[in-house]
């Protein structure tokens, strides 16, 4: 017998893709050195669009431009060719943004 009182009223659809993207971004320095730099760009851009879409569905508009910017900066089709200290610091910063958004983007459970 299901007890409706104990069931959650919201769900975090963006959490799983945010965790995957954050893991890739935290490992990005190692992956880039190992020749997986393009894969980091693809994974980050795709998951930024996915998390951004979940933000649209949750009507949490503040996240939409954030993830649009991440998708553009990590875009693998026309890469910007960033490198150096700023790019090395951008990887964990974006990972942190993914983690925060994954925890905060919630939609009502139907």
Protein backbone atom coordinates (compact mmCIF):
# COMPACT_ATOMS: atom_id res chain seq x y z
CA UNK A 1 0.00 0.00 0.00
CA UNK A 2 1.43 3.33 -1.09
CA UNK A 3 1.51 6.18 1.39
CA UNK A 4 1.11 9.49 -0.52
CA UNK A 5 2.27 11.50 2.50
CA UNK A 6 5.83 10.16 2.24
CA UNK A 7 6.20 10.54 -1.54
CA UNK A 8 8.26 13.51 -2.79
CA UNK A 9 6.34 16.34 -4.42
CA UNK A 10 9.18 17.35 -6.77
CA UNK A 11 11.72 15.58 -8.92
CA UNK A 12 15.23 16.58 -9.97
CA UNK A 13 15.44 15.58 -13.64
CA UNK A 14 18.64 17.58 -14.19
CA UNK A 15 20.58 15.86 -11.41
CA UNK A 16 21.86 12.79 -13.31
CA UNK A 17 23.09 14.67 -16.40
CA UNK A 18 24.60 17.34 -14.16
CA UNK A 19 26.53 14.71 -12.18
CA UNK A 20 27.87 13.11 -15.36
CA UNK A 21 28.95 16.46 -16.81
CA UNK A 22 30.56 17.50 -13.52
CA UNK A 23 32.53 14.24 -13.36
CA UNK A 24 33.82 14.75 -16.91
CA UNK A 25 34.73 18.38 -16.17
CA UNK A 26 36.56 17.48 -12.95
CA UNK A 27 38.52 14.87 -14.92
CA UNK A 28 39.02 17.20 -17.91
CA UNK A 29 42.69 18.03 -17.23
CA UNK A 30 43.57 14.33 -17.28
CA UNK A 31 41.28 13.58 -20.23
CA UNK A 32 42.65 16.45 -22.34
CA UNK A 33 46.25 15.35 -21.78
CA UNK A 34 45.21 11.80 -22.74
CA UNK A 35 43.84 12.95 -26.08
CA UNK A 36 40.16 13.03 -25.07
CA UNK A 37 39.78 16.80 -25.30
CA UNK A 38 37.17 16.63 -28.05
CA UNK A 39 35.11 14.13 -26.03
CA UNK A 40 35.13 16.56 -23.09
CA UNK A 41 33.78 19.28 -25.38
CA UNK A 42 31.03 17.03 -26.77
CA UNK A 43 29.92 15.70 -23.37
CA UNK A 44 29.93 19.14 -21.75
CA UNK A 45 28.04 20.86 -24.58
CA UNK A 46 25.43 18.12 -24.89
CA UNK A 47 24.79 17.88 -21.17
CA UNK A 48 24.66 21.69 -20.90
CA UNK A 49 21.83 21.65 -23.44
CA UNK A 50 20.08 18.82 -21.58
CA UNK A 51 20.31 20.55 -18.19
CA UNK A 52 19.25 23.82 -19.83
CA UNK A 53 16.18 22.08 -21.26
CA UNK A 54 15.27 20.73 -17.82
CA UNK A 55 15.59 24.31 -16.51
CA UNK A 56 13.12 25.44 -19.20
CA UNK A 57 10.71 22.68 -18.21
CA UNK A 58 11.04 23.70 -14.55
CA UNK A 59 10.54 27.35 -15.52
CA UNK A 60 13.77 28.29 -13.77
CA UNK A 61 14.83 30.82 -16.38
CA UNK A 62 17.96 31.99 -14.61
CA UNK A 63 19.73 28.76 -15.59
CA UNK A 64 18.93 28.96 -19.31
CA UNK A 65 21.52 31.62 -20.28
CA UNK A 66 24.09 30.00 -17.99
CA UNK A 67 23.85 26.66 -19.76
CA UNK A 68 23.56 28.29 -23.17
CA UNK A 69 26.90 30.01 -22.45
CA UNK A 70 28.45 26.72 -21.31
CA UNK A 71 27.18 24.97 -24.45
CA UNK A 72 28.72 27.70 -26.63
CA UNK A 73 32.04 27.83 -24.75
CA UNK A 74 32.48 24.03 -24.85
CA UNK A 75 31.01 23.68 -28.35
CA UNK A 76 32.94 21.01 -30.28
CA UNK A 77 31.75 21.99 -33.77
CA UNK A 78 33.46 25.41 -33.82
CA UNK A 79 35.84 25.19 -30.85
CA UNK A 80 37.35 28.39 -29.52
CA UNK A 81 40.69 26.74 -28.76
CA UNK A 82 40.89 28.00 -25.19
CA UNK A 83 43.89 26.95 -23.14
CA UNK A 84 46.02 28.13 -20.25
CA UNK A 85 45.17 28.94 -16.68
CA UNK A 86 41.79 30.53 -17.36
CA UNK A 87 40.56 27.45 -19.24
CA UNK A 88 41.98 25.17 -16.52
CA UNK A 89 39.99 27.11 -13.93
CA UNK A 90 36.86 27.20 -16.10
CA UNK A 91 36.58 23.41 -16.08
CA UNK A 92 35.98 22.97 -12.31
CA UNK A 93 33.94 26.20 -12.20
CA UNK A 94 31.57 24.80 -14.82
CA UNK A 95 31.48 21.49 -12.94
CA UNK A 96 30.40 23.36 -9.82
CA UNK A 97 27.69 25.17 -11.80
CA UNK A 98 26.41 21.81 -13.07
CA UNK A 99 26.28 20.43 -9.51
CA UNK A 100 24.43 23.44 -8.12
CA UNK A 101 21.93 23.48 -10.98
CA UNK A 102 21.37 19.72 -10.73
CA UNK A 103 20.48 20.12 -7.07
CA UNK A 104 18.29 23.21 -7.51
CA UNK A 105 16.35 22.52 -10.73
CA UNK A 106 13.16 20.81 -9.62
CA UNK A 107 9.84 20.12 -11.32
CA UNK A 108 6.58 19.22 -9.61
CA UNK A 109 5.84 15.52 -9.63
CA UNK A 110 2.70 14.64 -11.55
